[in-house]
N, C-alpha and C. Protein backbone atom coordinates (compact mmCIF):
# COMPACT_ATOMS: atom_id res chain seq x y z
N UNK A 1 7.53 -22.78 -6.78
CA UNK A 1 7.21 -23.98 -7.53
C UNK A 1 8.23 -24.26 -8.63
N UNK A 2 9.03 -23.25 -8.97
CA UNK A 2 9.98 -23.43 -10.07
C UNK A 2 10.90 -24.64 -9.87
N UNK A 3 11.55 -24.79 -8.69
CA UNK A 3 12.45 -25.94 -8.54
C UNK A 3 11.71 -27.28 -8.54
N UNK A 4 10.50 -27.30 -8.02
CA UNK A 4 9.73 -28.54 -7.95
C UNK A 4 9.36 -29.01 -9.35
N UNK A 5 8.85 -28.08 -10.17
CA UNK A 5 8.42 -28.42 -11.53
C UNK A 5 9.57 -28.45 -12.52
N UNK A 6 10.67 -27.81 -12.16
CA UNK A 6 11.80 -27.76 -13.09
C UNK A 6 11.58 -26.78 -14.23
N UNK A 7 11.08 -25.59 -13.90
CA UNK A 7 10.89 -24.58 -14.93
C UNK A 7 11.41 -23.24 -14.43
N UNK A 8 11.52 -22.29 -15.37
CA UNK A 8 11.95 -20.93 -15.02
C UNK A 8 10.73 -20.02 -15.04
N UNK A 9 10.65 -19.12 -14.08
CA UNK A 9 9.57 -18.11 -14.07
C UNK A 9 9.59 -17.31 -15.36
N UNK A 10 10.82 -16.95 -15.79
CA UNK A 10 10.96 -16.16 -17.02
C UNK A 10 12.26 -16.56 -17.71
N UNK A 11 12.24 -16.44 -19.02
CA UNK A 11 13.40 -16.79 -19.84
C UNK A 11 13.64 -15.67 -20.83
N UNK A 12 14.90 -15.30 -20.98
CA UNK A 12 15.28 -14.30 -22.00
C UNK A 12 15.93 -15.03 -23.16
N UNK A 13 15.50 -14.67 -24.37
CA UNK A 13 16.13 -15.14 -25.60
C UNK A 13 16.36 -13.89 -26.44
N UNK A 14 17.59 -13.42 -26.47
CA UNK A 14 17.88 -12.18 -27.19
C UNK A 14 17.12 -11.01 -26.60
N UNK A 15 16.28 -10.39 -27.42
CA UNK A 15 15.50 -9.22 -26.98
C UNK A 15 14.12 -9.60 -26.47
N UNK A 16 13.85 -10.88 -26.37
CA UNK A 16 12.53 -11.35 -25.94
C UNK A 16 12.61 -11.97 -24.54
N UNK A 17 11.63 -11.64 -23.72
CA UNK A 17 11.48 -12.24 -22.40
C UNK A 17 10.09 -12.86 -22.34
N UNK A 18 10.04 -14.12 -21.96
CA UNK A 18 8.77 -14.81 -21.81
C UNK A 18 8.59 -15.18 -20.34
N UNK A 19 7.44 -14.79 -19.78
CA UNK A 19 7.14 -15.07 -18.39
C UNK A 19 6.05 -16.13 -18.35
N UNK A 20 6.34 -17.21 -17.64
CA UNK A 20 5.40 -18.34 -17.53
C UNK A 20 4.14 -17.92 -16.78
N UNK A 21 3.12 -18.77 -16.88
CA UNK A 21 1.90 -18.55 -16.11
C UNK A 21 2.24 -18.29 -14.65
N UNK A 22 1.75 -17.18 -14.13
CA UNK A 22 2.13 -16.73 -12.80
C UNK A 22 0.89 -16.61 -11.93
N UNK A 23 0.92 -17.32 -10.82
CA UNK A 23 -0.20 -17.38 -9.88
C UNK A 23 0.05 -16.45 -8.69
N UNK A 24 -0.98 -16.19 -7.90
CA UNK A 24 -0.87 -15.30 -6.75
C UNK A 24 -0.25 -15.97 -5.53
N UNK A 25 1.06 -16.13 -5.57
CA UNK A 25 1.77 -16.81 -4.49
C UNK A 25 2.62 -15.81 -3.72
N UNK A 26 2.49 -15.83 -2.41
CA UNK A 26 3.26 -14.96 -1.53
C UNK A 26 4.67 -15.54 -1.34
N UNK A 27 5.62 -14.72 -0.87
CA UNK A 27 6.99 -15.21 -0.67
C UNK A 27 7.09 -16.46 0.22
N UNK A 28 6.14 -16.62 1.15
CA UNK A 28 6.18 -17.80 2.02
C UNK A 28 5.51 -19.02 1.40
N UNK A 29 5.04 -18.89 0.16
CA UNK A 29 4.41 -20.01 -0.53
C UNK A 29 2.91 -20.06 -0.38
N UNK A 30 2.35 -19.22 0.46
CA UNK A 30 0.90 -19.20 0.64
C UNK A 30 0.24 -18.45 -0.52
N UNK A 31 -1.05 -18.60 -0.64
CA UNK A 31 -1.81 -17.90 -1.66
C UNK A 31 -2.14 -16.49 -1.18
N UNK A 32 -2.03 -15.52 -2.07
CA UNK A 32 -2.40 -14.14 -1.75
C UNK A 32 -3.86 -14.12 -1.33
N UNK A 33 -4.15 -13.56 -0.16
CA UNK A 33 -5.54 -13.50 0.29
C UNK A 33 -6.32 -12.43 -0.47
N UNK A 34 -7.62 -12.55 -0.43
CA UNK A 34 -8.46 -11.51 -1.01
C UNK A 34 -9.12 -11.92 -2.30
N UNK A 35 -9.67 -10.92 -2.94
CA UNK A 35 -10.45 -11.15 -4.16
C UNK A 35 -9.53 -11.26 -5.38
N UNK A 36 -10.15 -11.38 -6.56
CA UNK A 36 -9.38 -11.56 -7.79
C UNK A 36 -8.49 -10.35 -8.07
N UNK A 37 -8.95 -9.14 -7.73
CA UNK A 37 -8.12 -7.96 -7.96
C UNK A 37 -6.85 -8.01 -7.11
N UNK A 38 -6.98 -8.38 -5.85
CA UNK A 38 -5.81 -8.49 -4.97
C UNK A 38 -4.86 -9.56 -5.49
N UNK A 39 -5.41 -10.67 -5.96
CA UNK A 39 -4.56 -11.73 -6.50
C UNK A 39 -3.89 -11.28 -7.80
N UNK A 40 -4.61 -10.52 -8.63
CA UNK A 40 -4.02 -10.02 -9.87
C UNK A 40 -2.88 -9.05 -9.57
N UNK A 41 -3.04 -8.21 -8.56
CA UNK A 41 -1.95 -7.30 -8.15
C UNK A 41 -0.70 -8.10 -7.84
N UNK A 42 -0.86 -9.17 -7.08
CA UNK A 42 0.30 -10.00 -6.72
C UNK A 42 0.91 -10.65 -7.95
N UNK A 43 0.07 -11.19 -8.83
CA UNK A 43 0.57 -11.81 -10.05
C UNK A 43 1.37 -10.81 -10.88
N UNK A 44 0.84 -9.61 -11.04
CA UNK A 44 1.52 -8.59 -11.84
C UNK A 44 2.84 -8.18 -11.20
N UNK A 45 2.88 -8.10 -9.88
CA UNK A 45 4.12 -7.76 -9.19
C UNK A 45 5.18 -8.83 -9.43
N UNK A 46 4.77 -10.09 -9.40
CA UNK A 46 5.71 -11.19 -9.66
C UNK A 46 6.21 -11.12 -11.10
N UNK A 47 5.30 -10.89 -12.04
CA UNK A 47 5.67 -10.79 -13.45
C UNK A 47 6.64 -9.63 -13.66
N UNK A 48 6.33 -8.47 -13.09
CA UNK A 48 7.19 -7.30 -13.26
C UNK A 48 8.59 -7.56 -12.72
N UNK A 49 8.68 -8.18 -11.57
CA UNK A 49 10.00 -8.49 -10.99
C UNK A 49 10.77 -9.46 -11.88
N UNK A 50 10.08 -10.46 -12.40
CA UNK A 50 10.74 -11.43 -13.29
C UNK A 50 11.29 -10.73 -14.53
N UNK A 51 10.53 -9.82 -15.09
CA UNK A 51 10.97 -9.08 -16.27
C UNK A 51 12.17 -8.21 -15.92
N UNK A 52 12.06 -7.48 -14.82
CA UNK A 52 13.16 -6.60 -14.40
C UNK A 52 14.42 -7.38 -14.04
N UNK A 53 14.26 -8.55 -13.42
CA UNK A 53 15.41 -9.38 -13.07
C UNK A 53 16.20 -9.80 -14.31
N UNK A 54 15.53 -9.85 -15.45
CA UNK A 54 16.20 -10.22 -16.70
C UNK A 54 16.58 -8.98 -17.52
N UNK A 55 16.53 -7.82 -16.89
CA UNK A 55 16.95 -6.60 -17.55
C UNK A 55 15.92 -5.94 -18.43
N UNK A 56 14.67 -6.39 -18.36
CA UNK A 56 13.61 -5.83 -19.18
C UNK A 56 12.76 -4.82 -18.44
N UNK A 57 11.75 -4.34 -19.14
CA UNK A 57 10.81 -3.38 -18.59
C UNK A 57 9.38 -3.81 -18.91
N UNK A 58 8.51 -3.66 -17.94
CA UNK A 58 7.09 -3.95 -18.16
C UNK A 58 6.55 -3.11 -19.32
N UNK A 59 7.12 -1.94 -19.52
CA UNK A 59 6.66 -1.05 -20.59
C UNK A 59 6.92 -1.61 -21.98
N UNK A 60 7.73 -2.66 -22.07
CA UNK A 60 8.01 -3.31 -23.36
C UNK A 60 7.20 -4.59 -23.55
N UNK A 61 6.20 -4.81 -22.70
CA UNK A 61 5.36 -6.00 -22.81
C UNK A 61 4.53 -5.92 -24.09
N UNK A 62 4.56 -6.99 -24.88
CA UNK A 62 3.83 -7.02 -26.15
C UNK A 62 2.62 -7.96 -26.12
N UNK A 63 2.60 -8.87 -25.14
CA UNK A 63 1.49 -9.82 -25.07
C UNK A 63 1.29 -10.28 -23.64
N UNK A 64 0.03 -10.41 -23.25
CA UNK A 64 -0.32 -11.03 -21.98
C UNK A 64 -1.49 -11.97 -22.21
N UNK A 65 -1.57 -12.98 -21.36
CA UNK A 65 -2.73 -13.88 -21.34
C UNK A 65 -3.18 -13.94 -19.89
N UNK A 66 -4.46 -13.66 -19.67
CA UNK A 66 -5.06 -13.68 -18.34
C UNK A 66 -5.99 -14.88 -18.28
N UNK A 67 -5.88 -15.64 -17.21
CA UNK A 67 -6.74 -16.79 -16.97
C UNK A 67 -7.57 -16.50 -15.72
N UNK A 68 -8.88 -16.62 -15.82
CA UNK A 68 -9.80 -16.38 -14.70
C UNK A 68 -10.65 -17.61 -14.46
N UNK A 69 -11.06 -17.81 -13.21
CA UNK A 69 -12.01 -18.89 -12.93
C UNK A 69 -13.45 -18.39 -12.91
N UNK A 70 -13.64 -17.07 -12.83
CA UNK A 70 -15.00 -16.51 -12.78
C UNK A 70 -15.05 -15.27 -13.67
N UNK A 71 -15.83 -15.33 -14.73
CA UNK A 71 -15.89 -14.21 -15.67
C UNK A 71 -16.38 -12.94 -15.01
N UNK A 72 -17.09 -13.04 -13.90
CA UNK A 72 -17.56 -11.85 -13.18
C UNK A 72 -16.40 -11.03 -12.61
N UNK A 73 -15.23 -11.66 -12.47
CA UNK A 73 -14.05 -10.96 -11.96
C UNK A 73 -13.34 -10.13 -13.03
N UNK A 74 -13.77 -10.27 -14.28
CA UNK A 74 -13.06 -9.61 -15.37
C UNK A 74 -12.91 -8.10 -15.18
N UNK A 75 -13.95 -7.33 -14.86
CA UNK A 75 -13.75 -5.88 -14.73
C UNK A 75 -12.68 -5.49 -13.71
N UNK A 76 -12.68 -6.13 -12.56
CA UNK A 76 -11.69 -5.81 -11.52
C UNK A 76 -10.29 -6.21 -11.95
N UNK A 77 -10.17 -7.38 -12.55
CA UNK A 77 -8.86 -7.86 -13.01
C UNK A 77 -8.36 -7.00 -14.17
N UNK A 78 -9.26 -6.62 -15.06
CA UNK A 78 -8.88 -5.76 -16.19
C UNK A 78 -8.34 -4.42 -15.71
N UNK A 79 -8.94 -3.86 -14.66
CA UNK A 79 -8.46 -2.58 -14.12
C UNK A 79 -7.04 -2.72 -13.58
N UNK A 80 -6.76 -3.82 -12.91
CA UNK A 80 -5.40 -4.04 -12.40
C UNK A 80 -4.43 -4.22 -13.57
N UNK A 81 -4.84 -4.99 -14.57
CA UNK A 81 -4.00 -5.17 -15.76
C UNK A 81 -3.69 -3.82 -16.38
N UNK A 82 -4.68 -2.96 -16.50
CA UNK A 82 -4.48 -1.64 -17.08
C UNK A 82 -3.50 -0.80 -16.28
N UNK A 83 -3.56 -0.93 -14.96
CA UNK A 83 -2.62 -0.20 -14.09
C UNK A 83 -1.18 -0.61 -14.38
N UNK A 84 -0.94 -1.91 -14.53
CA UNK A 84 0.42 -2.42 -14.70
C UNK A 84 0.90 -2.34 -16.15
N UNK A 85 0.00 -2.56 -17.10
CA UNK A 85 0.41 -2.70 -18.50
C UNK A 85 -0.18 -1.63 -19.42
N UNK A 86 -0.85 -0.64 -18.87
CA UNK A 86 -1.52 0.39 -19.66
C UNK A 86 -0.60 1.17 -20.58
N UNK A 87 0.61 1.42 -20.14
CA UNK A 87 1.55 2.16 -20.98
C UNK A 87 1.98 1.32 -22.18
N UNK A 88 2.18 0.04 -21.97
CA UNK A 88 2.62 -0.86 -23.04
C UNK A 88 1.48 -1.21 -24.00
N UNK A 89 0.27 -1.34 -23.47
CA UNK A 89 -0.90 -1.75 -24.25
C UNK A 89 -0.64 -3.02 -25.07
N UNK A 90 -0.29 -4.12 -24.39
CA UNK A 90 0.02 -5.36 -25.11
C UNK A 90 -1.23 -6.01 -25.70
N UNK A 91 -1.00 -6.84 -26.71
CA UNK A 91 -2.07 -7.70 -27.18
C UNK A 91 -2.43 -8.62 -26.00
N UNK A 92 -3.70 -8.72 -25.68
CA UNK A 92 -4.11 -9.45 -24.48
C UNK A 92 -5.27 -10.37 -24.79
N UNK A 93 -5.18 -11.57 -24.27
CA UNK A 93 -6.26 -12.54 -24.35
C UNK A 93 -6.68 -12.87 -22.93
N UNK A 94 -7.98 -12.95 -22.69
CA UNK A 94 -8.49 -13.36 -21.39
C UNK A 94 -9.34 -14.61 -21.58
N UNK A 95 -9.05 -15.62 -20.78
CA UNK A 95 -9.76 -16.89 -20.86
C UNK A 95 -10.38 -17.23 -19.51
N UNK A 96 -11.55 -17.83 -19.54
CA UNK A 96 -12.17 -18.37 -18.33
C UNK A 96 -11.88 -19.86 -18.32
N UNK A 97 -11.29 -20.32 -17.21
CA UNK A 97 -10.89 -21.72 -17.08
C UNK A 97 -11.65 -22.37 -15.92
N UNK A 98 -11.64 -23.68 -15.89
CA UNK A 98 -12.39 -24.39 -14.85
C UNK A 98 -11.69 -24.38 -13.49
N UNK A 99 -10.39 -24.14 -13.48
CA UNK A 99 -9.69 -24.10 -12.20
C UNK A 99 -8.20 -24.13 -12.37
N UNK A 100 -7.50 -23.95 -11.24
CA UNK A 100 -6.04 -23.94 -11.20
C UNK A 100 -5.55 -25.03 -10.25
N UNK A 101 -4.26 -25.16 -10.12
CA UNK A 101 -3.65 -26.16 -9.25
C UNK A 101 -4.15 -26.02 -7.82
N UNK A 102 -4.21 -24.78 -7.33
CA UNK A 102 -4.79 -24.52 -6.01
C UNK A 102 -6.19 -23.95 -6.20
N UNK A 103 -7.18 -24.54 -5.57
CA UNK A 103 -8.56 -24.10 -5.80
C UNK A 103 -8.85 -22.67 -5.36
N UNK A 104 -8.03 -22.09 -4.48
CA UNK A 104 -8.27 -20.72 -4.02
C UNK A 104 -7.74 -19.66 -4.99
N UNK A 105 -6.96 -20.08 -5.98
CA UNK A 105 -6.48 -19.12 -6.98
C UNK A 105 -7.64 -18.71 -7.86
N UNK A 106 -7.73 -17.42 -8.13
CA UNK A 106 -8.78 -16.88 -8.97
C UNK A 106 -8.26 -16.41 -10.33
N UNK A 107 -6.94 -16.22 -10.42
CA UNK A 107 -6.35 -15.64 -11.62
C UNK A 107 -4.90 -16.09 -11.78
N UNK A 108 -4.47 -16.17 -13.02
CA UNK A 108 -3.06 -16.33 -13.39
C UNK A 108 -2.83 -15.44 -14.59
N UNK A 109 -1.56 -15.10 -14.82
CA UNK A 109 -1.21 -14.29 -15.99
C UNK A 109 0.14 -14.74 -16.52
N UNK A 110 0.31 -14.63 -17.82
CA UNK A 110 1.62 -14.82 -18.44
C UNK A 110 1.89 -13.62 -19.34
N UNK A 111 3.15 -13.39 -19.64
CA UNK A 111 3.51 -12.19 -20.41
C UNK A 111 4.71 -12.45 -21.31
N UNK A 112 4.78 -11.62 -22.36
CA UNK A 112 5.94 -11.63 -23.25
C UNK A 112 6.38 -10.20 -23.46
N UNK A 113 7.69 -10.01 -23.42
CA UNK A 113 8.31 -8.70 -23.61
C UNK A 113 9.19 -8.78 -24.86
N UNK A 114 9.15 -7.73 -25.67
CA UNK A 114 10.04 -7.63 -26.82
C UNK A 114 10.70 -6.25 -26.74
N UNK A 115 12.00 -6.25 -26.51
CA UNK A 115 12.71 -4.98 -26.43
C UNK A 115 13.03 -4.46 -27.83
N UNK A 116 13.12 -3.16 -27.93
CA UNK A 116 13.44 -2.55 -29.23
C UNK A 116 14.91 -2.65 -29.53
């Protein structure tokens, strides 16, 4: 979606990397199948790659924002977040939203990294 919308998945400014809201999209453009945990795994993998592509590390993540469409998915999504970001322990906000661009998406995440 980056070329269509005209945005970057992630941007580096000095020691800071900001990763835009990231949805569960497969390399072929389809939505990651499965529940919110499976979709969160995909979102986190995309975020991690974006950070690494800019020379950063997920372990330097200082902030994340999680967006969910169903608050009942929070425990499963939180467990996945902990798996990916547990070492960094970023400041995290979780919001329940009415929906996303694609109705089958259950979760999105954005992140910020600050290198030492």
